[in-house]
Amino acid sequence: MSLFSNPVMLSLSKGLDAGALRQRVIANNIANIDTPGYKKSFVTFEGLLKNVLKNDAAGMVTTHPKHFGGVSSLTELKPGVHRNNATSMRTDGNNVDIDEEMVNLAANGIKYQATSRQVSDRISLLTYVVTGGRR
């Protein structure tokens, strides 16, 4: 097992990928705020990650991704982009709410910074261990 392929680093990496995708989706929603008929999109990830981690609780390690009970589901986890067709904010069918999108943008930025900080701290710890505390 590689130092960077353990479940924690994989989860953090997938979280960063989801945050970057969410940023693009929110930016696309904001860019289309005046487009008639545009339906906003959103990213699902945290629930998927929770399900994968709950199912992998047994921690069985396998030598091939097709083996039963392996942790390959974490490596294959991808955030999903979904469109909200159920609502409308205006008479032209557009359902983008700028206030909601700006809150989502700020929350996503905070989550992304926290996740990247965790990755940085883990790499710093590995660096400390490898160098024996010397700089």
N, C-alpha and C. Protein backbone atom coordinates (compact mmCIF):
# COMPACT_ATOMS: atom_id res chain seq x y z
N MET A 1 0.84 -1.17 0.00
CA MET A 1 0.00 0.00 0.00
C MET A 1 0.89 1.24 0.00
N SER A 2 0.62 2.16 -0.85
CA SER A 2 1.36 3.40 -0.95
C SER A 2 0.99 4.33 0.21
N LEU A 3 1.90 5.23 0.55
CA LEU A 3 1.61 6.21 1.60
C LEU A 3 0.42 7.09 1.25
N PHE A 4 0.22 7.33 -0.04
CA PHE A 4 -0.83 8.25 -0.47
C PHE A 4 -2.10 7.54 -0.94
N SER A 5 -2.13 6.21 -0.82
CA SER A 5 -3.33 5.49 -1.23
C SER A 5 -4.07 4.90 -0.03
N ASN A 6 -3.77 5.38 1.17
CA ASN A 6 -4.52 4.90 2.33
C ASN A 6 -5.91 5.55 2.31
N PRO A 7 -6.86 4.99 3.02
CA PRO A 7 -8.24 5.49 2.95
C PRO A 7 -8.39 6.97 3.32
N VAL A 8 -7.60 7.46 4.25
CA VAL A 8 -7.73 8.87 4.66
C VAL A 8 -7.28 9.79 3.53
N MET A 9 -6.12 9.51 2.95
CA MET A 9 -5.62 10.36 1.86
C MET A 9 -6.52 10.25 0.63
N LEU A 10 -7.03 9.04 0.36
CA LEU A 10 -7.96 8.89 -0.76
C LEU A 10 -9.23 9.70 -0.53
N SER A 11 -9.75 9.66 0.70
CA SER A 11 -10.96 10.42 1.01
C SER A 11 -10.72 11.92 0.87
N LEU A 12 -9.58 12.39 1.35
CA LEU A 12 -9.25 13.81 1.23
C LEU A 12 -9.07 14.21 -0.23
N SER A 13 -8.42 13.36 -0.99
CA SER A 13 -8.23 13.64 -2.42
C SER A 13 -9.56 13.71 -3.15
N LYS A 14 -10.43 12.76 -2.86
CA LYS A 14 -11.76 12.76 -3.49
C LYS A 14 -12.55 13.99 -3.05
N GLY A 15 -12.37 14.41 -1.80
CA GLY A 15 -13.03 15.61 -1.31
C GLY A 15 -12.57 16.86 -2.04
N LEU A 16 -11.27 16.94 -2.33
CA LEU A 16 -10.75 18.07 -3.10
C LEU A 16 -11.30 18.06 -4.53
N ASP A 17 -11.38 16.87 -5.11
CA ASP A 17 -11.95 16.76 -6.46
C ASP A 17 -13.41 17.21 -6.47
N ALA A 18 -14.16 16.79 -5.46
CA ALA A 18 -15.57 17.17 -5.37
C ALA A 18 -15.71 18.68 -5.16
N GLY A 19 -14.84 19.26 -4.35
CA GLY A 19 -14.89 20.70 -4.12
C GLY A 19 -14.60 21.49 -5.38
N ALA A 20 -13.63 21.03 -6.16
CA ALA A 20 -13.31 21.71 -7.42
C ALA A 20 -14.47 21.60 -8.40
N LEU A 21 -15.08 20.42 -8.47
CA LEU A 21 -16.24 20.24 -9.35
C LEU A 21 -17.41 21.11 -8.89
N ARG A 22 -17.63 21.16 -7.59
CA ARG A 22 -18.72 21.97 -7.05
C ARG A 22 -18.49 23.46 -7.37
N GLN A 23 -17.25 23.90 -7.31
CA GLN A 23 -16.92 25.28 -7.66
C GLN A 23 -17.30 25.58 -9.10
N ARG A 24 -16.97 24.67 -10.02
CA ARG A 24 -17.31 24.86 -11.43
C ARG A 24 -18.82 24.86 -11.65
N VAL A 25 -19.52 23.98 -10.96
CA VAL A 25 -20.98 23.90 -11.11
C VAL A 25 -21.64 25.17 -10.59
N ILE A 26 -21.20 25.66 -9.44
CA ILE A 26 -21.76 26.90 -8.89
C ILE A 26 -21.46 28.08 -9.81
N ALA A 27 -20.25 28.15 -10.32
CA ALA A 27 -19.89 29.23 -11.25
C ALA A 27 -20.75 29.16 -12.51
N ASN A 28 -21.04 27.97 -12.99
CA ASN A 28 -21.90 27.80 -14.16
C ASN A 28 -23.33 28.25 -13.85
N ASN A 29 -23.81 27.93 -12.65
CA ASN A 29 -25.14 28.39 -12.25
C ASN A 29 -25.20 29.91 -12.22
N ILE A 30 -24.18 30.54 -11.64
CA ILE A 30 -24.17 32.00 -11.55
C ILE A 30 -24.07 32.63 -12.94
N ALA A 31 -23.27 32.01 -13.80
CA ALA A 31 -23.12 32.55 -15.15
C ALA A 31 -24.42 32.48 -15.94
N ASN A 32 -25.29 31.56 -15.60
CA ASN A 32 -26.55 31.37 -16.33
C ASN A 32 -27.75 31.92 -15.58
N ILE A 33 -27.52 32.86 -14.68
CA ILE A 33 -28.62 33.38 -13.87
C ILE A 33 -29.67 34.10 -14.71
N ASP A 34 -29.29 34.66 -15.84
CA ASP A 34 -30.24 35.38 -16.69
C ASP A 34 -30.66 34.59 -17.93
N THR A 35 -30.30 33.32 -17.98
CA THR A 35 -30.66 32.48 -19.13
C THR A 35 -32.07 31.93 -18.93
N PRO A 36 -32.99 32.27 -19.81
CA PRO A 36 -34.37 31.75 -19.67
C PRO A 36 -34.39 30.23 -19.77
N GLY A 37 -35.13 29.60 -18.85
CA GLY A 37 -35.28 28.16 -18.87
C GLY A 37 -34.13 27.38 -18.27
N TYR A 38 -33.06 28.05 -17.83
CA TYR A 38 -31.91 27.33 -17.26
C TYR A 38 -32.30 26.74 -15.91
N LYS A 39 -31.90 25.51 -15.68
CA LYS A 39 -32.13 24.83 -14.41
C LYS A 39 -30.78 24.62 -13.73
N LYS A 40 -30.71 25.00 -12.46
CA LYS A 40 -29.44 24.91 -11.73
C LYS A 40 -29.03 23.46 -11.50
N SER A 41 -27.73 23.29 -11.35
CA SER A 41 -27.15 21.98 -11.07
C SER A 41 -26.54 22.00 -9.67
N PHE A 42 -26.33 20.81 -9.12
CA PHE A 42 -25.68 20.69 -7.82
C PHE A 42 -24.87 19.40 -7.80
N VAL A 43 -23.92 19.35 -6.88
CA VAL A 43 -23.01 18.22 -6.77
C VAL A 43 -23.35 17.42 -5.52
N THR A 44 -23.42 16.11 -5.66
CA THR A 44 -23.59 15.22 -4.51
C THR A 44 -22.29 14.47 -4.29
N PHE A 45 -21.80 14.49 -3.06
CA PHE A 45 -20.57 13.77 -2.77
C PHE A 45 -20.53 13.24 -1.34
N GLU A 46 -20.86 14.08 -0.36
CA GLU A 46 -20.69 13.71 1.03
C GLU A 46 -21.49 12.46 1.39
N GLY A 47 -22.73 12.37 0.92
CA GLY A 47 -23.54 11.19 1.19
C GLY A 47 -22.96 9.94 0.55
N LEU A 48 -22.43 10.09 -0.67
CA LEU A 48 -21.80 8.95 -1.34
C LEU A 48 -20.57 8.49 -0.57
N LEU A 49 -19.76 9.45 -0.10
CA LEU A 49 -18.57 9.11 0.67
C LEU A 49 -18.95 8.41 1.97
N LYS A 50 -19.97 8.90 2.62
CA LYS A 50 -20.42 8.28 3.87
C LYS A 50 -20.85 6.84 3.64
N ASN A 51 -21.59 6.59 2.56
CA ASN A 51 -22.01 5.22 2.25
C ASN A 51 -20.84 4.31 1.94
N VAL A 52 -19.87 4.82 1.19
CA VAL A 52 -18.69 4.01 0.85
C VAL A 52 -17.90 3.68 2.10
N LEU A 53 -17.69 4.67 2.96
CA LEU A 53 -16.92 4.43 4.18
C LEU A 53 -17.66 3.49 5.13
N LYS A 54 -18.98 3.59 5.17
CA LYS A 54 -19.77 2.69 6.03
C LYS A 54 -19.68 1.26 5.51
N ASN A 55 -19.74 1.09 4.18
CA ASN A 55 -19.67 -0.25 3.60
C ASN A 55 -18.28 -0.85 3.68
N ASP A 56 -17.25 -0.01 3.75
CA ASP A 56 -15.88 -0.50 3.83
C ASP A 56 -15.40 -0.63 5.27
N ALA A 57 -16.32 -0.58 6.22
CA ALA A 57 -15.95 -0.62 7.62
C ALA A 57 -15.21 -1.91 7.99
N ALA A 58 -15.47 -2.98 7.26
CA ALA A 58 -14.80 -4.24 7.56
C ALA A 58 -13.30 -4.12 7.33
N GLY A 59 -12.88 -3.24 6.43
CA GLY A 59 -11.47 -3.00 6.20
C GLY A 59 -10.74 -4.14 5.54
N MET A 60 -11.44 -4.96 4.79
CA MET A 60 -10.79 -6.07 4.12
C MET A 60 -9.94 -5.56 2.97
N VAL A 61 -8.69 -5.95 2.96
CA VAL A 61 -7.79 -5.55 1.90
C VAL A 61 -7.67 -6.69 0.91
N THR A 62 -7.78 -6.39 -0.37
CA THR A 62 -7.67 -7.42 -1.39
C THR A 62 -6.54 -7.07 -2.35
N THR A 63 -6.20 -8.01 -3.19
CA THR A 63 -5.11 -7.80 -4.14
C THR A 63 -5.60 -7.40 -5.52
N HIS A 64 -6.92 -7.43 -5.72
CA HIS A 64 -7.48 -7.11 -7.03
C HIS A 64 -8.81 -6.38 -6.82
N PRO A 65 -9.11 -5.33 -7.61
CA PRO A 65 -10.35 -4.56 -7.40
C PRO A 65 -11.62 -5.38 -7.56
N LYS A 66 -11.57 -6.50 -8.27
CA LYS A 66 -12.77 -7.31 -8.48
C LYS A 66 -13.04 -8.31 -7.35
N HIS A 67 -12.13 -8.41 -6.39
CA HIS A 67 -12.34 -9.32 -5.27
C HIS A 67 -13.46 -8.78 -4.38
N PHE A 68 -14.21 -9.69 -3.78
CA PHE A 68 -15.30 -9.29 -2.88
C PHE A 68 -14.73 -8.64 -1.63
N GLY A 69 -15.43 -7.58 -1.17
CA GLY A 69 -15.08 -6.96 0.09
C GLY A 69 -13.88 -6.04 0.05
N GLY A 70 -13.37 -5.74 -1.12
CA GLY A 70 -12.21 -4.88 -1.22
C GLY A 70 -12.55 -3.42 -1.02
N VAL A 71 -11.53 -2.60 -0.84
CA VAL A 71 -11.73 -1.17 -0.64
C VAL A 71 -11.70 -0.41 -1.96
N SER A 72 -11.90 -1.11 -3.06
CA SER A 72 -11.82 -0.46 -4.36
C SER A 72 -12.94 0.55 -4.56
N SER A 73 -14.04 0.42 -3.81
CA SER A 73 -15.14 1.35 -3.99
C SER A 73 -14.74 2.78 -3.65
N LEU A 74 -13.80 2.97 -2.74
CA LEU A 74 -13.31 4.31 -2.41
C LEU A 74 -12.51 4.88 -3.57
N THR A 75 -11.73 4.05 -4.23
CA THR A 75 -10.94 4.54 -5.36
C THR A 75 -11.82 4.86 -6.56
N GLU A 76 -12.97 4.21 -6.65
CA GLU A 76 -13.87 4.42 -7.77
C GLU A 76 -14.94 5.48 -7.50
N LEU A 77 -14.95 6.05 -6.31
CA LEU A 77 -15.95 7.05 -5.92
C LEU A 77 -15.79 8.32 -6.75
N LYS A 78 -16.89 8.77 -7.34
CA LYS A 78 -16.89 10.00 -8.13
C LYS A 78 -18.09 10.84 -7.70
N PRO A 79 -17.89 12.16 -7.55
CA PRO A 79 -19.03 13.02 -7.22
C PRO A 79 -20.00 13.08 -8.39
N GLY A 80 -21.27 13.25 -8.07
CA GLY A 80 -22.29 13.30 -9.11
C GLY A 80 -22.82 14.71 -9.30
N VAL A 81 -23.09 15.07 -10.55
CA VAL A 81 -23.70 16.35 -10.88
C VAL A 81 -25.14 16.09 -11.28
N HIS A 82 -26.06 16.77 -10.62
CA HIS A 82 -27.48 16.58 -10.87
C HIS A 82 -28.14 17.93 -11.18
N ARG A 83 -29.19 17.89 -11.95
CA ARG A 83 -29.94 19.10 -12.32
C ARG A 83 -31.25 19.12 -11.54
N ASN A 84 -31.59 20.29 -11.01
CA ASN A 84 -32.83 20.47 -10.28
C ASN A 84 -33.89 20.99 -11.25
N ASN A 85 -34.72 20.11 -11.76
CA ASN A 85 -35.77 20.50 -12.71
C ASN A 85 -37.10 20.77 -12.03
N ALA A 86 -37.18 20.58 -10.72
CA ALA A 86 -38.46 20.64 -10.02
C ALA A 86 -38.93 22.05 -9.67
N THR A 87 -38.02 23.01 -9.62
CA THR A 87 -38.40 24.34 -9.16
C THR A 87 -38.21 25.40 -10.23
N SER A 88 -38.83 26.56 -10.00
CA SER A 88 -38.63 27.74 -10.84
C SER A 88 -38.62 28.97 -9.95
N MET A 89 -37.66 29.85 -10.18
CA MET A 89 -37.59 31.09 -9.42
C MET A 89 -38.32 32.23 -10.13
N ARG A 90 -38.41 32.12 -11.45
CA ARG A 90 -39.00 33.20 -12.25
C ARG A 90 -39.99 32.62 -13.24
N THR A 91 -40.71 33.50 -13.90
CA THR A 91 -41.71 33.05 -14.88
C THR A 91 -41.08 32.45 -16.13
N ASP A 92 -39.81 32.76 -16.41
CA ASP A 92 -39.17 32.20 -17.60
C ASP A 92 -38.61 30.79 -17.37
N GLY A 93 -38.82 30.23 -16.16
CA GLY A 93 -38.40 28.85 -15.89
C GLY A 93 -37.04 28.72 -15.24
N ASN A 94 -36.27 29.80 -15.15
CA ASN A 94 -34.96 29.76 -14.52
C ASN A 94 -35.15 29.56 -13.02
N ASN A 95 -34.33 28.71 -12.41
CA ASN A 95 -34.47 28.46 -10.97
C ASN A 95 -33.20 28.78 -10.18
N VAL A 96 -32.33 29.64 -10.71
CA VAL A 96 -31.11 30.00 -10.01
C VAL A 96 -31.40 31.15 -9.05
N ASP A 97 -31.10 30.94 -7.78
CA ASP A 97 -31.23 31.97 -6.75
C ASP A 97 -29.82 32.45 -6.41
N ILE A 98 -29.52 33.70 -6.73
CA ILE A 98 -28.16 34.23 -6.56
C ILE A 98 -27.73 34.18 -5.10
N ASP A 99 -28.64 34.45 -4.17
CA ASP A 99 -28.28 34.41 -2.75
C ASP A 99 -27.87 33.00 -2.33
N GLU A 100 -28.64 32.02 -2.76
CA GLU A 100 -28.31 30.62 -2.43
C GLU A 100 -26.98 30.22 -3.06
N GLU A 101 -26.74 30.62 -4.28
CA GLU A 101 -25.49 30.26 -4.96
C GLU A 101 -24.29 30.92 -4.29
N MET A 102 -24.43 32.14 -3.83
CA MET A 102 -23.32 32.81 -3.15
C MET A 102 -23.02 32.16 -1.80
N VAL A 103 -24.05 31.73 -1.09
CA VAL A 103 -23.85 30.99 0.16
C VAL A 103 -23.16 29.66 -0.13
N ASN A 104 -23.61 28.96 -1.16
CA ASN A 104 -22.98 27.69 -1.54
C ASN A 104 -21.52 27.89 -1.94
N LEU A 105 -21.25 28.99 -2.62
CA LEU A 105 -19.88 29.31 -3.05
C LEU A 105 -18.98 29.54 -1.84
N ALA A 106 -19.47 30.31 -0.87
CA ALA A 106 -18.68 30.57 0.34
C ALA A 106 -18.46 29.30 1.15
N ALA A 107 -19.52 28.50 1.33
CA ALA A 107 -19.41 27.26 2.09
C ALA A 107 -18.44 26.29 1.41
N ASN A 108 -18.51 26.22 0.09
CA ASN A 108 -17.61 25.33 -0.64
C ASN A 108 -16.16 25.79 -0.49
N GLY A 109 -15.93 27.09 -0.52
CA GLY A 109 -14.58 27.61 -0.33
C GLY A 109 -14.01 27.25 1.02
N ILE A 110 -14.84 27.36 2.06
CA ILE A 110 -14.40 27.02 3.42
C ILE A 110 -14.08 25.53 3.52
N LYS A 111 -14.96 24.68 2.97
CA LYS A 111 -14.72 23.23 2.99
C LYS A 111 -13.44 22.88 2.23
N TYR A 112 -13.24 23.52 1.08
CA TYR A 112 -12.06 23.22 0.26
C TYR A 112 -10.79 23.62 1.00
N GLN A 113 -10.80 24.79 1.63
CA GLN A 113 -9.62 25.23 2.38
C GLN A 113 -9.32 24.29 3.55
N ALA A 114 -10.36 23.85 4.26
CA ALA A 114 -10.16 22.94 5.38
C ALA A 114 -9.60 21.60 4.91
N THR A 115 -10.13 21.09 3.80
CA THR A 115 -9.65 19.81 3.28
C THR A 115 -8.21 19.92 2.79
N SER A 116 -7.89 21.01 2.09
CA SER A 116 -6.52 21.17 1.61
C SER A 116 -5.55 21.35 2.78
N ARG A 117 -6.01 21.97 3.85
CA ARG A 117 -5.18 22.11 5.04
C ARG A 117 -4.90 20.75 5.66
N GLN A 118 -5.90 19.87 5.69
CA GLN A 118 -5.70 18.52 6.23
C GLN A 118 -4.69 17.75 5.40
N VAL A 119 -4.77 17.88 4.09
CA VAL A 119 -3.80 17.21 3.21
C VAL A 119 -2.40 17.76 3.48
N SER A 120 -2.29 19.07 3.58
CA SER A 120 -1.00 19.70 3.85
C SER A 120 -0.43 19.24 5.19
N ASP A 121 -1.26 19.17 6.21
CA ASP A 121 -0.80 18.73 7.53
C ASP A 121 -0.32 17.28 7.50
N ARG A 122 -1.02 16.42 6.76
CA ARG A 122 -0.61 15.01 6.66
C ARG A 122 0.72 14.89 5.93
N ILE A 123 0.90 15.67 4.87
CA ILE A 123 2.16 15.63 4.15
C ILE A 123 3.29 16.19 5.01
N SER A 124 3.01 17.23 5.78
CA SER A 124 4.01 17.78 6.70
C SER A 124 4.42 16.75 7.74
N LEU A 125 3.45 16.00 8.24
CA LEU A 125 3.74 14.95 9.22
C LEU A 125 4.63 13.87 8.60
N LEU A 126 4.31 13.47 7.37
CA LEU A 126 5.13 12.46 6.69
C LEU A 126 6.55 13.00 6.46
N THR A 127 6.65 14.25 6.10
CA THR A 127 7.97 14.87 5.90
C THR A 127 8.76 14.86 7.21
N TYR A 128 8.09 15.18 8.29
CA TYR A 128 8.74 15.19 9.61
C TYR A 128 9.24 13.80 9.96
N VAL A 129 8.44 12.79 9.71
CA VAL A 129 8.82 11.41 10.04
C VAL A 129 10.01 10.96 9.18
N VAL A 130 9.95 11.27 7.87
CA VAL A 130 11.00 10.83 6.96
C VAL A 130 12.33 11.51 7.29
N THR A 131 12.29 12.80 7.62
CA THR A 131 13.53 13.52 7.91
C THR A 131 13.99 13.35 9.35
N GLY A 132 13.20 12.68 10.16
CA GLY A 132 13.57 12.48 11.56
C GLY A 132 13.50 13.75 12.37
N GLY A 133 12.71 14.69 11.94
CA GLY A 133 12.55 15.96 12.66
C GLY A 133 13.60 16.98 12.30
N ARG A 134 14.55 16.63 11.44
CA ARG A 134 15.58 17.59 11.02
C ARG A 134 15.08 18.37 9.82
N ARG A 135 15.54 19.54 9.70
CA ARG A 135 15.18 20.37 8.53
C ARG A 135 16.37 20.63 7.70
